[in-house]
Amino acid sequence: MRVTIARRHFYFHRNEVEEAMNGVTPEPVTGVSVEIGGVSYPIMQVGAVITRQDRRDFSSGEVQRAMAALGFPCRTTVE
């Protein structure tokens, strides 16, 4: 599936995202999270891992839309 993050086009399949995040230790979740392989990751951590870009280059909304389009459940943590 083609997604746009930080004005760049990426082509991801659900299994590629799962493989990229496999073995990655999740950071503490604050704000928006995405569940991948039964593990909740902060959305910005996922964006940084799958795009290999600096977190300042994209927004959480861009990554959230991409993950939702790929069928991953996204949640917002209320503090």
Protein backbone atom coordinates (compact mmCIF):
# COMPACT_ATOMS: atom_id res chain seq x y z
CA MET A 1 0.00 0.00 0.00
CA ARG A 2 1.29 3.46 -0.83
CA VAL A 3 1.37 5.91 2.07
CA THR A 4 2.74 9.43 2.33
CA ILE A 5 4.75 10.39 5.40
CA ALA A 6 6.75 13.62 5.57
CA ARG A 7 5.95 14.38 1.92
CA ARG A 8 7.64 11.12 0.87
CA HIS A 9 5.88 8.13 -0.61
CA PHE A 10 6.43 4.72 0.93
CA TYR A 11 5.11 1.34 -0.12
CA PHE A 12 4.39 -0.87 2.87
CA HIS A 13 2.68 -4.19 3.35
CA ARG A 14 1.30 -5.13 6.73
CA ASN A 15 3.80 -7.97 7.13
CA GLU A 16 6.74 -5.63 6.38
CA VAL A 17 5.72 -3.35 9.23
CA GLU A 18 5.34 -6.35 11.55
CA GLU A 19 8.80 -7.62 10.58
CA ALA A 20 10.38 -4.18 11.06
CA MET A 21 8.91 -3.86 14.57
CA ASN A 22 9.67 -7.45 15.58
CA GLY A 23 12.17 -7.39 18.43
CA VAL A 24 11.95 -3.62 18.94
CA THR A 25 11.50 -2.72 22.60
CA PRO A 26 8.52 -0.38 22.92
CA GLU A 27 9.10 3.02 24.47
CA PRO A 28 6.64 4.27 27.12
CA VAL A 29 3.32 5.10 25.46
CA THR A 30 2.02 8.65 25.81
CA GLY A 31 -0.50 9.97 23.35
CA VAL A 32 -1.22 7.83 20.31
CA SER A 33 -0.17 4.19 20.15
CA VAL A 34 -0.45 1.45 17.56
CA GLU A 35 -0.73 -2.26 18.28
CA ILE A 36 1.57 -4.41 16.17
CA GLY A 37 1.93 -8.10 16.87
CA GLY A 38 0.15 -7.75 20.22
CA VAL A 39 2.53 -5.02 21.43
CA SER A 40 1.60 -1.33 21.81
CA TYR A 41 4.17 1.08 20.42
CA PRO A 42 4.14 4.88 20.44
CA ILE A 43 3.13 6.01 16.97
CA MET A 44 6.22 8.20 16.56
CA GLN A 45 8.53 5.26 17.37
CA VAL A 46 6.86 3.18 14.67
CA GLY A 47 7.16 6.02 12.18
CA ALA A 48 10.87 6.42 12.90
CA VAL A 49 11.56 2.70 12.55
CA ILE A 50 9.64 2.07 9.34
CA THR A 51 10.65 5.27 7.51
CA ARG A 52 14.18 5.61 8.94
CA GLN A 53 13.51 9.32 9.28
CA ASP A 54 13.98 11.69 12.18
CA ARG A 55 10.83 12.05 14.27
CA ARG A 56 10.85 15.80 13.71
CA ASP A 57 10.25 15.21 9.99
CA PHE A 58 6.71 13.80 10.29
CA SER A 59 3.61 14.11 12.42
CA SER A 60 1.87 11.46 14.46
CA GLY A 61 -1.25 11.98 12.35
CA GLU A 62 0.57 10.98 9.17
CA VAL A 63 1.79 7.73 10.72
CA GLN A 64 -1.57 7.06 12.38
CA ARG A 65 -3.40 7.34 9.04
CA ALA A 66 -0.86 5.03 7.40
CA MET A 67 -1.10 2.41 10.17
CA ALA A 68 -4.92 2.55 10.18
CA ALA A 69 -4.94 2.10 6.39
CA LEU A 70 -2.79 -1.02 6.85
CA GLY A 71 -5.28 -2.36 9.41
CA PHE A 72 -3.37 -1.79 12.64
CA PRO A 73 -5.47 -0.61 15.60
CA CYS A 74 -4.48 2.85 16.85
CA ARG A 75 -5.44 4.22 20.25
CA THR A 76 -5.13 7.53 22.05
CA THR A 77 -3.97 7.41 25.66
CA VAL A 78 -5.81 9.80 27.92
CA GLU A 79 -3.71 11.06 30.77
